[in-house]
C-alpha atoms as a PDB file:
ATOM      1  CA  UNK A   1     125.614  80.928 112.254  1.00  0.00           C
ATOM      2  CA  UNK A   2     124.119  84.607 112.492  1.00  0.00           C
ATOM      3  CA  UNK A   3     126.338  87.050 113.284  1.00  0.00           C
ATOM      4  CA  UNK A   4     125.034  89.705 115.779  1.00  0.00           C
ATOM      5  CA  UNK A   5     125.933  93.428 116.206  1.00  0.00           C
ATOM      6  CA  UNK A   6     125.013  95.696 118.963  1.00  0.00           C
ATOM      7  CA  UNK A   7     124.649  99.282 117.038  1.00  0.00           C
ATOM      8  CA  UNK A   8     124.857 102.380 120.155  1.00  0.00           C
ATOM      9  CA  UNK A   9     123.182 105.834 119.421  1.00  0.00           C
ATOM     10  CA  UNK A  10     121.015 103.788 116.476  1.00  0.00           C
ATOM     11  CA  UNK A  11     117.743 106.150 115.959  1.00  0.00           C
ATOM     12  CA  UNK A  12     119.340 108.067 113.300  1.00  0.00           C
ATOM     13  CA  UNK A  13     121.860 109.377 111.523  1.00  0.00           C
ATOM     14  CA  UNK A  14     125.338 106.986 111.527  1.00  0.00           C
ATOM     15  CA  UNK A  15     123.976 104.595 113.407  1.00  0.00           C
ATOM     16  CA  UNK A  16     120.856 103.834 112.226  1.00  0.00           C
ATOM     17  CA  UNK A  17     122.482 103.873 108.382  1.00  0.00           C
ATOM     18  CA  UNK A  18     124.896 101.033 110.294  1.00  0.00           C
ATOM     19  CA  UNK A  19     122.337  99.122 111.285  1.00  0.00           C
ATOM     20  CA  UNK A  20     120.760  98.774 107.701  1.00  0.00           C
ATOM     21  CA  UNK A  21     124.025  97.748 106.299  1.00  0.00           C
ATOM     22  CA  UNK A  22     124.566  94.898 108.758  1.00  0.00           C
ATOM     23  CA  UNK A  23     120.725  93.911 108.264  1.00  0.00           C
ATOM     24  CA  UNK A  24     121.552  94.371 104.487  1.00  0.00           C
ATOM     25  CA  UNK A  25     124.667  91.555 104.728  1.00  0.00           C
ATOM     26  CA  UNK A  26     122.051  89.307 106.940  1.00  0.00           C
ATOM     27  CA  UNK A  27     123.760  90.182 110.156  1.00  0.00           C
ATOM     28  CA  UNK A  28     120.982  90.992 113.338  1.00  0.00           C
ATOM     29  CA  UNK A  29     121.269  94.018 115.539  1.00  0.00           C
ATOM     30  CA  UNK A  30     120.374  94.991 118.795  1.00  0.00           C
ATOM     31  CA  UNK A  31     119.693  99.002 118.269  1.00  0.00           C
ATOM     32  CA  UNK A  32     120.316 100.756 121.645  1.00  0.00           C
ATOM     33  CA  UNK A  33     119.492 104.539 122.084  1.00  0.00           C
ATOM     34  CA  UNK A  34     118.785 106.797 124.728  1.00  0.00           C
ATOM     35  CA  UNK A  35     115.557 108.153 122.531  1.00  0.00           C
ATOM     36  CA  UNK A  36     112.843 105.539 123.200  1.00  0.00           C
ATOM     37  CA  UNK A  37     110.418 107.139 120.688  1.00  0.00           C
ATOM     38  CA  UNK A  38     112.480 107.584 118.013  1.00  0.00           C
ATOM     39  CA  UNK A  39     114.341 104.777 118.464  1.00  0.00           C
ATOM     40  CA  UNK A  40     110.494 102.612 117.838  1.00  0.00           C
ATOM     41  CA  UNK A  41     109.852 104.327 115.183  1.00  0.00           C
ATOM     42  CA  UNK A  42     113.762 103.674 113.517  1.00  0.00           C
ATOM     43  CA  UNK A  43     112.708  99.929 114.574  1.00  0.00           C
ATOM     44  CA  UNK A  44     109.577  99.602 113.046  1.00  0.00           C
ATOM     45  CA  UNK A  45     109.468  97.749 109.826  1.00  0.00           C
ATOM     46  CA  UNK A  46     112.707  96.526 110.102  1.00  0.00           C
ATOM     47  CA  UNK A  47     113.689  92.767 110.374  1.00  0.00           C
ATOM     48  CA  UNK A  48     116.136  90.303 112.591  1.00  0.00           C
ATOM     49  CA  UNK A  49     116.568  93.578 115.091  1.00  0.00           C
ATOM     50  CA  UNK A  50     115.698  94.175 118.982  1.00  0.00           C
ATOM     51  CA  UNK A  51     115.329  97.669 119.978  1.00  0.00           C
ATOM     52  CA  UNK A  52     116.422  98.974 123.857  1.00  0.00           C
ATOM     53  CA  UNK A  53     116.151 102.214 125.528  1.00  0.00           C
ATOM     54  CA  UNK A  54     119.337 102.801 127.214  1.00  0.00           C
ATOM     55  CA  UNK A  55     121.343 105.453 129.120  1.00  0.00           C
ATOM     56  CA  UNK A  56     124.985 104.117 127.584  1.00  0.00           C
ATOM     57  CA  UNK A  57     126.525 106.636 130.285  1.00  0.00           C
ATOM     58  CA  UNK A  58     124.473 104.997 133.010  1.00  0.00           C
ATOM     59  CA  UNK A  59     126.396 101.733 134.348  1.00  0.00           C
ATOM     60  CA  UNK A  60     123.209 100.166 135.576  1.00  0.00           C
ATOM     61  CA  UNK A  61     121.490 100.832 132.478  1.00  0.00           C
ATOM     62  CA  UNK A  62     124.292  99.485 130.433  1.00  0.00           C
ATOM     63  CA  UNK A  63     124.501  96.255 132.370  1.00  0.00           C
ATOM     64  CA  UNK A  64     120.571  95.567 132.080  1.00  0.00           C
ATOM     65  CA  UNK A  65     120.992  96.437 128.622  1.00  0.00           C
ATOM     66  CA  UNK A  66     123.556  94.021 127.945  1.00  0.00           C
ATOM     67  CA  UNK A  67     121.909  91.514 129.850  1.00  0.00           C
ATOM     68  CA  UNK A  68     118.962  91.388 127.371  1.00  0.00           C
ATOM     69  CA  UNK A  69     121.329  91.498 124.421  1.00  0.00           C
ATOM     70  CA  UNK A  70     123.035  88.466 125.607  1.00  0.00           C
ATOM     71  CA  UNK A  71     119.402  86.936 126.707  1.00  0.00           C
ATOM     72  CA  UNK A  72     118.128  87.624 123.321  1.00  0.00           C
ATOM     73  CA  UNK A  73     121.062  86.891 120.828  1.00  0.00           C
ATOM     74  CA  UNK A  74     123.598  84.500 122.806  1.00  0.00           C
ATOM     75  CA  UNK A  75     126.807  85.495 121.310  1.00  0.00           C
ATOM     76  CA  UNK A  76     127.497  89.035 119.986  1.00  0.00           C
ATOM     77  CA  UNK A  77     130.177  89.658 116.711  1.00  0.00           C
ATOM     78  CA  UNK A  78     130.127  92.910 116.961  1.00  0.00           C
ATOM     79  CA  UNK A  79     129.925  96.260 118.981  1.00  0.00           C
ATOM     80  CA  UNK A  80     129.203  99.631 117.554  1.00  0.00           C
ATOM     81  CA  UNK A  81     130.150 102.464 119.858  1.00  0.00           C
ATOM     82  CA  UNK A  82     128.429 105.189 118.219  1.00  0.00           C
ATOM     83  CA  UNK A  83     126.252 107.601 120.500  1.00  0.00           C
ATOM     84  CA  UNK A  84     127.750 110.432 121.071  1.00  0.00           C
ATOM     85  CA  UNK A  85     126.718 113.992 122.605  1.00  0.00           C
ATOM     86  CA  UNK A  86     127.724 116.992 120.587  1.00  0.00           C
ATOM     87  CA  UNK A  87     128.529 120.192 122.408  1.00  0.00           C
ATOM     88  CA  UNK A  88     130.143 123.364 120.793  1.00  0.00           C
ATOM     89  CA  UNK A  89     131.051 126.677 122.496  1.00  0.00           C
ATOM     90  CA  UNK A  90     134.028 128.775 123.287  1.00  0.00           C
ATOM     91  CA  UNK A  91     136.583 127.382 126.281  1.00  0.00           C
ATOM     92  CA  UNK A  92     135.232 130.262 128.784  1.00  0.00           C
ATOM     93  CA  UNK A  93     131.373 129.612 128.334  1.00  0.00           C
ATOM     94  CA  UNK A  94     131.983 125.660 128.705  1.00  0.00           C
ATOM     95  CA  UNK A  95     130.553 125.038 132.061  1.00  0.00           C
ATOM     96  CA  UNK A  96     131.881 121.635 133.804  1.00  0.00           C
ATOM     97  CA  UNK A  97     128.488 120.735 133.780  1.00  0.00           C
ATOM     98  CA  UNK A  98     128.513 120.813 129.474  1.00  0.00           C
ATOM     99  CA  UNK A  99     132.154 119.093 130.188  1.00  0.00           C
ATOM    100  CA  UNK A 100     130.806 116.089 131.954  1.00  0.00           C
ATOM    101  CA  UNK A 101     127.566 115.367 130.117  1.00  0.00           C
ATOM    102  CA  UNK A 102     130.017 115.429 126.963  1.00  0.00           C
ATOM    103  CA  UNK A 103     132.919 112.901 128.337  1.00  0.00           C
ATOM    104  CA  UNK A 104     129.926 110.551 130.324  1.00  0.00           C
ATOM    105  CA  UNK A 105     128.390 109.575 126.605  1.00  0.00           C
ATOM    106  CA  UNK A 106     131.442 110.210 124.432  1.00  0.00           C
ATOM    107  CA  UNK A 107     134.165 108.802 126.563  1.00  0.00           C
ATOM    108  CA  UNK A 108     132.647 106.766 129.636  1.00  0.00           C
ATOM    109  CA  UNK A 109     129.657 105.359 127.239  1.00  0.00           C
ATOM    110  CA  UNK A 110     132.241 103.446 124.895  1.00  0.00           C
ATOM    111  CA  UNK A 111     134.154 102.007 128.285  1.00  0.00           C
ATOM    112  CA  UNK A 112     131.290 100.769 130.063  1.00  0.00           C
ATOM    113  CA  UNK A 113     129.424  99.359 126.663  1.00  0.00           C
ATOM    114  CA  UNK A 114     133.184  96.971 126.088  1.00  0.00           C
ATOM    115  CA  UNK A 115     133.282  95.802 129.684  1.00  0.00           C
ATOM    116  CA  UNK A 116     129.591  94.852 129.726  1.00  0.00           C
ATOM    117  CA  UNK A 117     130.125  92.910 126.208  1.00  0.00           C
ATOM    118  CA  UNK A 118     133.172  91.675 126.011  1.00  0.00           C
ATOM    119  CA  UNK A 119     132.526  88.821 128.542  1.00  0.00           C
ATOM    120  CA  UNK A 120     130.053  87.511 125.795  1.00  0.00           C
ATOM    121  CA  UNK A 121     131.464  88.290 122.318  1.00  0.00           C
ATOM    122  CA  UNK A 122     132.673  85.892 119.883  1.00  0.00           C
ATOM    123  CA  UNK A 123     136.407  84.914 121.305  1.00  0.00           C
ATOM    124  CA  UNK A 124     138.046  84.984 118.986  1.00  0.00           C
ATOM    125  CA  UNK A 125     136.441  86.477 116.332  1.00  0.00           C
ATOM    126  CA  UNK A 126     134.639  89.693 117.745  1.00  0.00           C
ATOM    127  CA  UNK A 127     135.358  93.216 116.736  1.00  0.00           C
ATOM    128  CA  UNK A 128     134.161  96.528 118.494  1.00  0.00           C
ATOM    129  CA  UNK A 129     134.526  99.797 116.360  1.00  0.00           C
ATOM    130  CA  UNK A 130     134.390 103.310 118.586  1.00  0.00           C
ATOM    131  CA  UNK A 131     133.418 106.152 116.691  1.00  0.00           C
ATOM    132  CA  UNK A 132     135.663 109.234 116.951  1.00  0.00           C
ATOM    133  CA  UNK A 133     135.680 112.327 114.758  1.00  0.00           C
ATOM    134  CA  UNK A 134     137.927 114.200 112.998  1.00  0.00           C
ATOM    135  CA  UNK A 135     137.917 116.799 115.789  1.00  0.00           C
ATOM    136  CA  UNK A 136     139.556 114.318 118.196  1.00  0.00           C
ATOM    137  CA  UNK A 137     142.508 114.427 115.721  1.00  0.00           C
ATOM    138  CA  UNK A 138     142.980 117.913 114.873  1.00  0.00           C
ATOM    139  CA  UNK A 139     141.616 121.116 117.175  1.00  0.00           C
ATOM    140  CA  UNK A 140     139.293 123.321 116.080  1.00  0.00           C
ATOM    141  CA  UNK A 141     137.485 126.504 118.038  1.00  0.00           C
ATOM    142  CA  UNK A 142     134.394 125.692 119.973  1.00  0.00           C
ATOM    143  CA  UNK A 143     135.179 121.855 120.226  1.00  0.00           C
ATOM    144  CA  UNK A 144     136.978 121.739 123.815  1.00  0.00           C
ATOM    145  CA  UNK A 145     134.874 119.599 125.344  1.00  0.00           C
ATOM    146  CA  UNK A 146     133.676 117.332 122.336  1.00  0.00           C
ATOM    147  CA  UNK A 147     137.400 116.756 120.811  1.00  0.00           C
ATOM    148  CA  UNK A 148     138.407 116.284 123.652  1.00  0.00           C
ATOM    149  CA  UNK A 149     136.438 113.578 124.223  1.00  0.00           C
ATOM    150  CA  UNK A 150     136.770 112.082 121.223  1.00  0.00           C
ATOM    151  CA  UNK A 151     140.516 112.227 121.152  1.00  0.00           C
ATOM    152  CA  UNK A 152     140.573 110.028 124.544  1.00  0.00           C
ATOM    153  CA  UNK A 153     138.053 107.762 122.550  1.00  0.00           C
ATOM    154  CA  UNK A 154     140.728 107.053 119.995  1.00  0.00           C
ATOM    155  CA  UNK A 155     143.360 106.312 122.507  1.00  0.00           C
ATOM    156  CA  UNK A 156     140.902 104.088 124.233  1.00  0.00           C
ATOM    157  CA  UNK A 157     140.394 101.977 121.362  1.00  0.00           C
ATOM    158  CA  UNK A 158     144.275 101.454 121.153  1.00  0.00           C
ATOM    159  CA  UNK A 159     144.294 100.719 125.172  1.00  0.00           C
ATOM    160  CA  UNK A 160     141.347  97.925 124.420  1.00  0.00           C
ATOM    161  CA  UNK A 161     143.161  96.399 121.451  1.00  0.00           C
ATOM    162  CA  UNK A 162     145.979  95.970 123.171  1.00  0.00           C
ATOM    163  CA  UNK A 163     144.211  94.241 125.631  1.00  0.00           C
ATOM    164  CA  UNK A 164     141.259  92.553 124.029  1.00  0.00           C
ATOM    165  CA  UNK A 165     143.421  91.459 121.005  1.00  0.00           C
ATOM    166  CA  UNK A 166     144.656  88.630 123.762  1.00  0.00           C
ATOM    167  CA  UNK A 167     141.262  86.918 123.496  1.00  0.00           C
ATOM    168  CA  UNK A 168     141.132  87.088 119.758  1.00  0.00           C
ATOM    169  CA  UNK A 169     138.490  90.494 120.052  1.00  0.00           C
ATOM    170  CA  UNK A 170     139.998  93.172 117.283  1.00  0.00           C
ATOM    171  CA  UNK A 171     139.199  97.015 117.991  1.00  0.00           C
ATOM    172  CA  UNK A 172     139.415  99.752 115.904  1.00  0.00           C
ATOM    173  CA  UNK A 173     138.197 103.632 115.146  1.00  0.00           C
ATOM    174  CA  UNK A 174     136.370 105.577 112.423  1.00  0.00           C
ATOM    175  CA  UNK A 175     137.040 109.070 112.988  1.00  0.00           C
ATOM    176  CA  UNK A 176     134.128 110.527 110.339  1.00  0.00           C
ATOM    177  CA  UNK A 177     135.015 114.502 108.878  1.00  0.00           C
ATOM    178  CA  UNK A 178     131.822 116.558 108.230  1.00  0.00           C
ATOM    179  CA  UNK A 179     128.762 114.389 107.394  1.00  0.00           C
ATOM    180  CA  UNK A 180     125.316 115.251 105.856  1.00  0.00           C
ATOM    181  CA  UNK A 181     123.026 114.953 109.208  1.00  0.00           C
ATOM    182  CA  UNK A 182     120.416 116.997 109.658  1.00  0.00           C
ATOM    183  CA  UNK A 183     122.944 117.958 112.937  1.00  0.00           C
ATOM    184  CA  UNK A 184     125.154 119.506 110.569  1.00  0.00           C
ATOM    185  CA  UNK A 185     122.402 120.543 107.866  1.00  0.00           C
ATOM    186  CA  UNK A 186     120.896 123.012 110.669  1.00  0.00           C
ATOM    187  CA  UNK A 187     124.812 124.177 112.795  1.00  0.00           C
ATOM    188  CA  UNK A 188     126.584 124.605 109.716  1.00  0.00           C
ATOM    189  CA  UNK A 189     126.019 128.124 107.633  1.00  0.00           C
ATOM    190  CA  UNK A 190     126.713 127.996 103.988  1.00  0.00           C
ATOM    191  CA  UNK A 191     129.631 129.943 104.648  1.00  0.00           C
ATOM    192  CA  UNK A 192     131.051 127.035 106.832  1.00  0.00           C
ATOM    193  CA  UNK A 193     129.821 124.953 104.219  1.00  0.00           C
ATOM    194  CA  UNK A 194     131.682 126.515 101.343  1.00  0.00           C
ATOM    195  CA  UNK A 195     134.596 126.597 104.041  1.00  0.00           C
ATOM    196  CA  UNK A 196     134.575 122.853 104.547  1.00  0.00           C
ATOM    197  CA  UNK A 197     134.309 121.885 100.406  1.00  0.00           C
ATOM    198  CA  UNK A 198     137.470 123.736 100.039  1.00  0.00           C
ATOM    199  CA  UNK A 199     139.563 122.358 102.598  1.00  0.00           C
ATOM    200  CA  UNK A 200     138.133 118.796 101.766  1.00  0.00           C
ATOM    201  CA  UNK A 201     140.308 117.126  98.810  1.00  0.00           C
ATOM    202  CA  UNK A 202     137.388 115.361  97.819  1.00  0.00           C
ATOM    203  CA  UNK A 203     135.352 118.893  98.060  1.00  0.00           C
ATOM    204  CA  UNK A 204     132.082 117.837  99.365  1.00  0.00           C
ATOM    205  CA  UNK A 205     130.862 116.106 103.003  1.00  0.00           C
ATOM    206  CA  UNK A 206     130.414 112.834 103.375  1.00  0.00           C
ATOM    207  CA  UNK A 207     126.816 110.995 103.305  1.00  0.00           C
ATOM    208  CA  UNK A 208     126.095 108.568 106.589  1.00  0.00           C
ATOM    209  CA  UNK A 209     126.210 104.996 104.224  1.00  0.00           C
ATOM    210  CA  UNK A 210     129.739 106.069 103.381  1.00  0.00           C
ATOM    211  CA  UNK A 211     130.432 105.799 106.936  1.00  0.00           C
ATOM    212  CA  UNK A 212     128.317 102.818 107.848  1.00  0.00           C
ATOM    213  CA  UNK A 213     130.106 100.983 105.289  1.00  0.00           C
ATOM    214  CA  UNK A 214     133.408 101.677 106.707  1.00  0.00           C
ATOM    215  CA  UNK A 215     132.266 100.628 110.478  1.00  0.00           C
ATOM    216  CA  UNK A 216     130.864  97.433 108.422  1.00  0.00           C
ATOM    217  CA  UNK A 217     134.564  96.826 106.699  1.00  0.00           C
ATOM    218  CA  UNK A 218     136.154  96.692 109.994  1.00  0.00           C
ATOM    219  CA  UNK A 219     133.576  94.322 111.583  1.00  0.00           C
ATOM    220  CA  UNK A 220     134.158  91.975 108.532  1.00  0.00           C
ATOM    221  CA  UNK A 221     136.218  89.028 108.308  1.00  0.00           C
ATOM    222  CA  UNK A 222     137.947  90.985 105.282  1.00  0.00           C
ATOM    223  CA  UNK A 223     139.533  93.256 107.954  1.00  0.00           C
ATOM    224  CA  UNK A 224     140.496  90.113 110.425  1.00  0.00           C
ATOM    225  CA  UNK A 225     144.246  91.214 111.008  1.00  0.00           C
ATOM    226  CA  UNK A 226     143.069  94.727 111.477  1.00  0.00           C
ATOM    227  CA  UNK A 227     143.234  96.365 115.228  1.00  0.00           C
ATOM    228  CA  UNK A 228     144.394  99.184 116.904  1.00  0.00           C
ATOM    229  CA  UNK A 229     143.572 101.345 113.925  1.00  0.00           C
ATOM    230  CA  UNK A 230     142.538 104.584 113.402  1.00  0.00           C
ATOM    231  CA  UNK A 231     140.516 104.927 109.993  1.00  0.00           C
ATOM    232  CA  UNK A 232     139.737 108.416 109.246  1.00  0.00           C
ATOM    233  CA  UNK A 233     136.806 108.517 106.543  1.00  0.00           C
ATOM    234  CA  UNK A 234     137.135 112.327 106.060  1.00  0.00           C
ATOM    235  CA  UNK A 235     137.429 112.968 102.177  1.00  0.00           C
ATOM    236  CA  UNK A 236     141.235 113.788 102.731  1.00  0.00           C
ATOM    237  CA  UNK A 237     140.479 116.339 105.473  1.00  0.00           C
ATOM    238  CA  UNK A 238     142.941 115.682 108.158  1.00  0.00           C
ATOM    239  CA  UNK A 239     145.349 114.817 105.161  1.00  0.00           C
ATOM    240  CA  UNK A 240     145.213 118.146 103.810  1.00  0.00           C
ATOM    241  CA  UNK A 241     145.697 119.922 107.175  1.00  0.00           C
ATOM    242  CA  UNK A 242     143.906 123.298 106.415  1.00  0.00           C
ATOM    243  CA  UNK A 243     142.527 125.527 108.461  1.00  0.00           C
ATOM    244  CA  UNK A 244     138.773 126.962 108.520  1.00  0.00           C
ATOM    245  CA  UNK A 245     138.779 131.029 109.379  1.00  0.00           C
ATOM    246  CA  UNK A 246     134.940 130.406 108.770  1.00  0.00           C
ATOM    247  CA  UNK A 247     134.144 128.601 111.834  1.00  0.00           C
ATOM    248  CA  UNK A 248     136.241 131.104 114.013  1.00  0.00           C
ATOM    249  CA  UNK A 249     133.813 133.692 112.799  1.00  0.00           C
END
């Protein structure tokens, strides 16, 4: 029986890399993103996918999207809550609107998606992977909304693991460290990149495919007894525990 994954934030970056990794392993994938034009471009030429434009922070859109996925594929094997909003700035300049925007996508999204999808997920045998961040594990400047939302996602995953484990659905979290995405290349100055390299034991940024590999592992049969866990795919950054003065500049 063909396995099916649903990946949010699938139009680019880690979400698209994860989609392609599932496809390479023989899965079929529901690609979800709020950016319809970019999503159509990403899905063009891919086989065994359905692309659906939806906002994961909107309960009505989530329910409609989930129903479309159910009607298309029947049973869902894995749910990857990857869609996220990055908003960086000092606490004093973080308006409540900015705070709410981050929380709606980064925290409400995984909550709503699980509620909508679990009823038609494989039971037992289903898997949920919520994408957090190393910023949810260790605090840093300019990340009050983003870091707090990702810390909450880590605990949400544990809550889901405890409850959904009773029906055989596993829930885990992947926390990427610095990854060479277009966003990182745009916002990380040479000084910040140098500081990260010095602080990360592997002395480099990760690449999208490495995060996708971690996600797909947690959805595989090889991870059948792993649930409620946080996997930090960060090159050892969390273990090193070194601050980054360049970020404060």
